[in-house]
Protein backbone atom coordinates (compact mmCIF):
# COMPACT_ATOMS: atom_id res chain seq x y z
CA UNK A 1 -54.57 44.85 -18.77
CA UNK A 2 -55.49 43.90 -15.62
CA UNK A 3 -56.56 40.07 -16.95
CA UNK A 4 -53.55 40.24 -18.56
CA UNK A 5 -51.82 40.71 -15.03
CA UNK A 6 -54.10 38.13 -13.18
CA UNK A 7 -52.95 35.65 -16.05
CA UNK A 8 -49.08 36.56 -15.21
CA UNK A 9 -49.72 36.32 -11.39
CA UNK A 10 -51.14 33.01 -11.76
CA UNK A 11 -48.54 31.40 -13.90
CA UNK A 12 -45.65 32.91 -11.76
CA UNK A 13 -47.70 30.93 -8.97
CA UNK A 14 -48.05 27.79 -10.94
CA UNK A 15 -44.56 28.27 -12.08
CA UNK A 16 -43.02 28.21 -8.38
CA UNK A 17 -45.53 25.90 -6.64
CA UNK A 18 -44.61 23.39 -9.88
CA UNK A 19 -40.28 24.08 -8.67
CA UNK A 20 -41.36 23.50 -4.90
CA UNK A 21 -42.85 20.14 -5.18
CA UNK A 22 -39.88 18.78 -7.67
CA UNK A 23 -37.09 20.11 -4.97
CA UNK A 24 -39.00 18.79 -1.85
CA UNK A 25 -39.08 15.42 -4.17
CA UNK A 26 -35.00 15.42 -4.44
CA UNK A 27 -34.98 15.86 0.10
CA UNK A 28 -32.00 13.67 1.34
CA UNK A 29 -30.62 14.23 -2.07
CA UNK A 30 -29.49 18.08 -1.83
CA UNK A 31 -30.58 20.97 -4.52
CA UNK A 32 -30.78 18.74 -7.47
CA UNK A 33 -29.56 22.37 -9.30
CA UNK A 34 -26.53 21.98 -7.56
CA UNK A 35 -25.51 18.65 -8.48
CA UNK A 36 -25.03 19.44 -12.39
CA UNK A 37 -21.58 19.23 -13.28
CA UNK A 38 -21.01 18.12 -16.92
CA UNK A 39 -18.47 14.78 -16.61
CA UNK A 40 -16.03 16.30 -18.33
CA UNK A 41 -15.93 19.14 -16.30
CA UNK A 42 -16.37 17.21 -13.06
CA UNK A 43 -12.85 14.92 -14.31
CA UNK A 44 -10.45 17.85 -15.25
CA UNK A 45 -11.08 19.36 -11.86
CA UNK A 46 -10.57 15.85 -10.42
CA UNK A 47 -7.51 15.72 -11.55
CA UNK A 48 -6.46 19.26 -10.15
CA UNK A 49 -7.64 17.85 -6.66
CA UNK A 50 -5.24 15.08 -7.32
CA UNK A 51 -2.20 17.12 -8.43
CA UNK A 52 -2.19 18.93 -5.83
CA UNK A 53 -2.47 16.39 -3.07
CA UNK A 54 0.39 14.20 -5.04
CA UNK A 55 2.29 17.64 -5.25
CA UNK A 56 1.55 18.38 -1.64
CA UNK A 57 4.69 17.74 0.24
CA UNK A 58 6.84 18.84 -2.25
CA UNK A 59 8.24 15.02 -3.93
CA UNK A 60 6.15 13.40 -6.54
CA UNK A 61 6.87 9.64 -5.90
CA UNK A 62 6.22 7.70 -9.57
CA UNK A 63 3.75 5.39 -6.73
CA UNK A 64 1.23 7.97 -7.12
CA UNK A 65 1.17 9.24 -10.45
CA UNK A 66 0.78 5.30 -11.30
CA UNK A 67 -2.11 4.81 -8.90
CA UNK A 68 -3.80 8.19 -10.65
CA UNK A 69 -2.87 7.18 -13.70
CA UNK A 70 -4.28 3.28 -13.15
CA UNK A 71 -7.05 4.46 -11.58
CA UNK A 72 -8.54 6.80 -14.61
CA UNK A 73 -7.90 3.98 -17.22
CA UNK A 74 -9.15 1.67 -15.10
CA UNK A 75 -12.70 3.71 -14.55
CA UNK A 76 -12.79 5.94 -17.80
CA UNK A 77 -11.18 3.65 -20.22
CA UNK A 78 -7.61 4.08 -21.68
CA UNK A 79 -8.71 6.44 -24.33
CA UNK A 80 -10.93 8.58 -22.60
CA UNK A 81 -8.58 8.97 -19.70
CA UNK A 82 -5.55 9.88 -21.82
CA UNK A 83 -7.93 13.24 -23.50
CA UNK A 84 -8.71 14.21 -19.67
CA UNK A 85 -5.04 14.41 -18.94
CA UNK A 86 -3.84 16.13 -22.22
CA UNK A 87 -6.84 18.48 -21.43
CA UNK A 88 -5.25 18.75 -18.32
CA UNK A 89 -1.60 19.46 -19.00
CA UNK A 90 -2.64 22.08 -21.79
CA UNK A 91 -4.63 23.77 -19.12
CA UNK A 92 -2.49 24.22 -16.36
CA UNK A 93 0.49 25.65 -18.43
CA UNK A 94 1.63 28.02 -16.98
CA UNK A 95 -0.63 28.36 -14.02
CA UNK A 96 -0.83 27.49 -10.54
CA UNK A 97 -2.96 25.63 -9.14
CA UNK A 98 -5.14 27.34 -6.57
CA UNK A 99 -7.22 24.56 -3.99
CA UNK A 100 -9.52 26.97 -2.84
CA UNK A 101 -11.23 27.77 -6.09
CA UNK A 102 -10.84 24.58 -7.20
CA UNK A 103 -12.74 22.95 -3.68
CA UNK A 104 -15.58 26.21 -4.01
CA UNK A 105 -16.02 25.45 -7.46
CA UNK A 106 -16.93 21.42 -6.70
CA UNK A 107 -18.82 22.56 -3.84
CA UNK A 108 -21.31 23.95 -4.88
CA UNK A 109 -22.35 21.86 -7.89
CA UNK A 110 -21.95 18.72 -6.30
CA UNK A 111 -23.93 17.21 -2.99
CA UNK A 112 -22.14 16.55 0.04
CA UNK A 113 -22.37 13.42 -0.43
CA UNK A 114 -20.43 13.12 -3.27
CA UNK A 115 -17.38 15.43 -1.88
CA UNK A 116 -17.38 13.00 1.17
CA UNK A 117 -16.19 10.43 -1.92
CA UNK A 118 -13.72 12.88 -3.34
CA UNK A 119 -12.34 13.11 0.07
CA UNK A 120 -12.08 9.30 -0.51
CA UNK A 121 -10.69 9.06 -3.22
CA UNK A 122 -8.27 11.85 -2.58
CA UNK A 123 -6.64 9.95 0.39
CA UNK A 124 -6.19 7.10 -1.79
CA UNK A 125 -3.46 8.95 -3.53
CA UNK A 126 -1.63 10.25 -0.47
CA UNK A 127 -1.96 6.38 0.75
CA UNK A 128 -1.00 4.91 -2.92
CA UNK A 129 2.72 5.67 -1.72
CA UNK A 130 2.14 3.04 1.74
CA UNK A 131 1.83 6.40 3.96
CA UNK A 132 0.04 9.68 3.95
CA UNK A 133 2.40 12.79 5.04
CA UNK A 134 1.22 15.78 7.12
CA UNK A 135 1.53 17.90 4.21
CA UNK A 136 -0.44 15.73 2.22
CA UNK A 137 -3.25 16.18 4.98
CA UNK A 138 -3.30 19.67 5.75
CA UNK A 139 -3.81 19.97 1.63
CA UNK A 140 -7.04 17.75 2.15
CA UNK A 141 -7.90 19.15 5.41
CA UNK A 142 -8.23 22.93 3.38
CA UNK A 143 -9.74 21.34 0.29
CA UNK A 144 -12.26 19.95 3.14
CA UNK A 145 -12.81 23.44 4.80
CA UNK A 146 -13.99 24.42 1.01
CA UNK A 147 -15.98 22.02 0.07
CA UNK A 148 -17.70 22.20 3.74
CA UNK A 149 -17.26 19.10 5.20
CA UNK A 150 -17.70 18.68 9.11
CA UNK A 151 -15.06 18.00 11.49
CA UNK A 152 -16.26 14.55 12.06
CA UNK A 153 -16.78 13.59 8.91
CA UNK A 154 -13.25 14.13 7.59
CA UNK A 155 -11.70 12.41 10.53
CA UNK A 156 -13.58 9.39 9.52
CA UNK A 157 -12.69 9.42 6.32
CA UNK A 158 -8.59 9.64 7.08
CA UNK A 159 -9.67 6.99 9.68
CA UNK A 160 -9.69 4.28 7.30
CA UNK A 161 -6.24 4.97 6.12
CA UNK A 162 -4.58 4.85 9.29
CA UNK A 163 -3.43 1.59 10.53
CA UNK A 164 -4.34 -1.11 12.26
CA UNK A 165 -1.00 -2.80 13.17
CA UNK A 166 1.83 -2.36 15.11
CA UNK A 167 5.29 -3.37 14.62
CA UNK A 168 5.15 -6.25 17.40
CA UNK A 169 2.42 -8.17 15.76
CA UNK A 170 1.00 -8.62 19.00
CA UNK A 171 -2.68 -10.14 18.68
CA UNK A 172 -3.64 -8.07 21.29
CA UNK A 173 -2.39 -4.43 20.40
CA UNK A 174 -3.67 -5.90 17.31
CA UNK A 175 -7.28 -5.81 18.14
CA UNK A 176 -6.87 -3.26 20.65
CA UNK A 177 -6.23 -0.94 16.99
CA UNK A 178 -8.58 -2.54 14.77
CA UNK A 179 -10.98 -1.13 17.45
CA UNK A 180 -9.43 2.38 17.82
CA UNK A 181 -9.96 2.84 14.17
CA UNK A 182 -13.59 1.31 13.70
CA UNK A 183 -14.54 3.68 16.48
CA UNK A 184 -13.05 6.19 14.85
CA UNK A 185 -14.37 5.61 11.37
CA UNK A 186 -18.10 5.63 13.02
CA UNK A 187 -16.94 8.85 15.07
CA UNK A 188 -17.07 7.54 17.49
CA UNK A 189 -15.31 7.74 21.27
CA UNK A 190 -14.11 3.98 23.27
CA UNK A 191 -16.56 4.44 25.72
CA UNK A 192 -19.88 4.34 23.33
CA UNK A 193 -22.68 1.95 24.57
CA UNK A 194 -24.24 0.13 22.27
CA UNK A 195 -26.61 1.79 21.77
CA UNK A 196 -24.96 5.24 19.99
CA UNK A 197 -23.35 1.89 18.27
CA UNK A 198 -26.27 1.88 16.33
CA UNK A 199 -27.12 5.04 16.41
CA UNK A 200 -23.57 6.12 14.49
CA UNK A 201 -23.97 3.34 12.28
CA UNK A 202 -27.61 4.30 10.86
CA UNK A 203 -26.15 7.70 11.04
CA UNK A 204 -23.33 6.64 8.11
CA UNK A 205 -25.46 4.10 6.37
CA UNK A 206 -27.37 7.26 5.95
CA UNK A 207 -24.35 9.18 4.41
CA UNK A 208 -22.39 7.28 2.78
CA UNK A 209 -24.14 4.68 1.09
CA UNK A 210 -23.20 5.02 -2.54
CA UNK A 211 -27.29 4.98 -4.09
CA UNK A 212 -27.26 8.61 -1.74
CA UNK A 213 -24.47 9.71 -4.33
CA UNK A 214 -25.55 11.32 -7.12
CA UNK A 215 -22.61 11.30 -9.44
CA UNK A 216 -21.80 9.94 -12.89
CA UNK A 217 -18.43 9.88 -12.32
CA UNK A 218 -17.19 5.62 -12.12
CA UNK A 219 -14.45 6.69 -9.60
CA UNK A 220 -16.58 8.53 -7.31
CA UNK A 221 -19.17 5.51 -6.88
CA UNK A 222 -16.70 3.44 -6.48
CA UNK A 223 -15.35 5.20 -4.06
CA UNK A 224 -19.20 5.06 -2.10
CA UNK A 225 -18.45 0.85 -2.50
CA UNK A 226 -15.41 0.91 -0.95
CA UNK A 227 -16.57 3.49 1.87
CA UNK A 228 -19.18 2.27 2.71
CA UNK A 229 -18.03 -1.69 2.99
CA UNK A 230 -15.50 0.00 5.48
CA UNK A 231 -18.39 1.40 7.47
CA UNK A 232 -19.91 -1.50 7.51
CA UNK A 233 -17.20 -3.65 8.79
CA UNK A 234 -16.05 -1.09 11.22
CA UNK A 235 -19.75 -1.66 13.16
CA UNK A 236 -19.21 -5.54 12.67
CA UNK A 237 -16.10 -5.44 14.51
CA UNK A 238 -17.63 -2.99 17.59
CA UNK A 239 -21.08 -5.24 17.59
CA UNK A 240 -18.22 -7.94 18.35
CA UNK A 241 -16.82 -6.59 21.25
CA UNK A 242 -19.87 -4.12 22.94
CA UNK A 243 -23.02 -5.73 24.58
């Protein structure tokens, strides 16, 4: 009996040692066991979050509906997209969508970087009709809260959908607005030094690089590429004016 007890103890030690080694190999990408969610389940939850944003201001526009449908068809194919919409309609029939429950469900199964891209996708929906209402921002902010997204990252994504133009089409004002937007994207104040700008870009590059987004979802992968491009463009614009 003593021999078997020792043997079991050794096996448990080896198991947890191997578990720790596997966890270390994923450093920087979050807990791999929290990133497991089937594509079908992910798509349904993503569509649920889309629906919450579309209905946030009490007005469902055709532009928003078309945007979501076109995005799903473009990214998943018509047959798969239609299957997701059918499943979604059957799932929510007679039910109220709970933003906190859905967001928390997604949060514990995805990495932080992936959740950032989901927010980017949601802002894209809100912006698809040409403007983002306060109600839509409030709804996305609530989702971001349950996603455990920090304030700076939220404001960075929000800034990516802000206007960099004004009504007077004044070149000077246009440049000023574009710079303000670029600083907001990098999470900086306009008086940031060249070194602070460089460090902010490095941090953003580490956080938003598409390679850090662990997901099989095409919409989120595409969003990661677009978002990283905006980070690069913001950095390049600031570098033109900062010595």
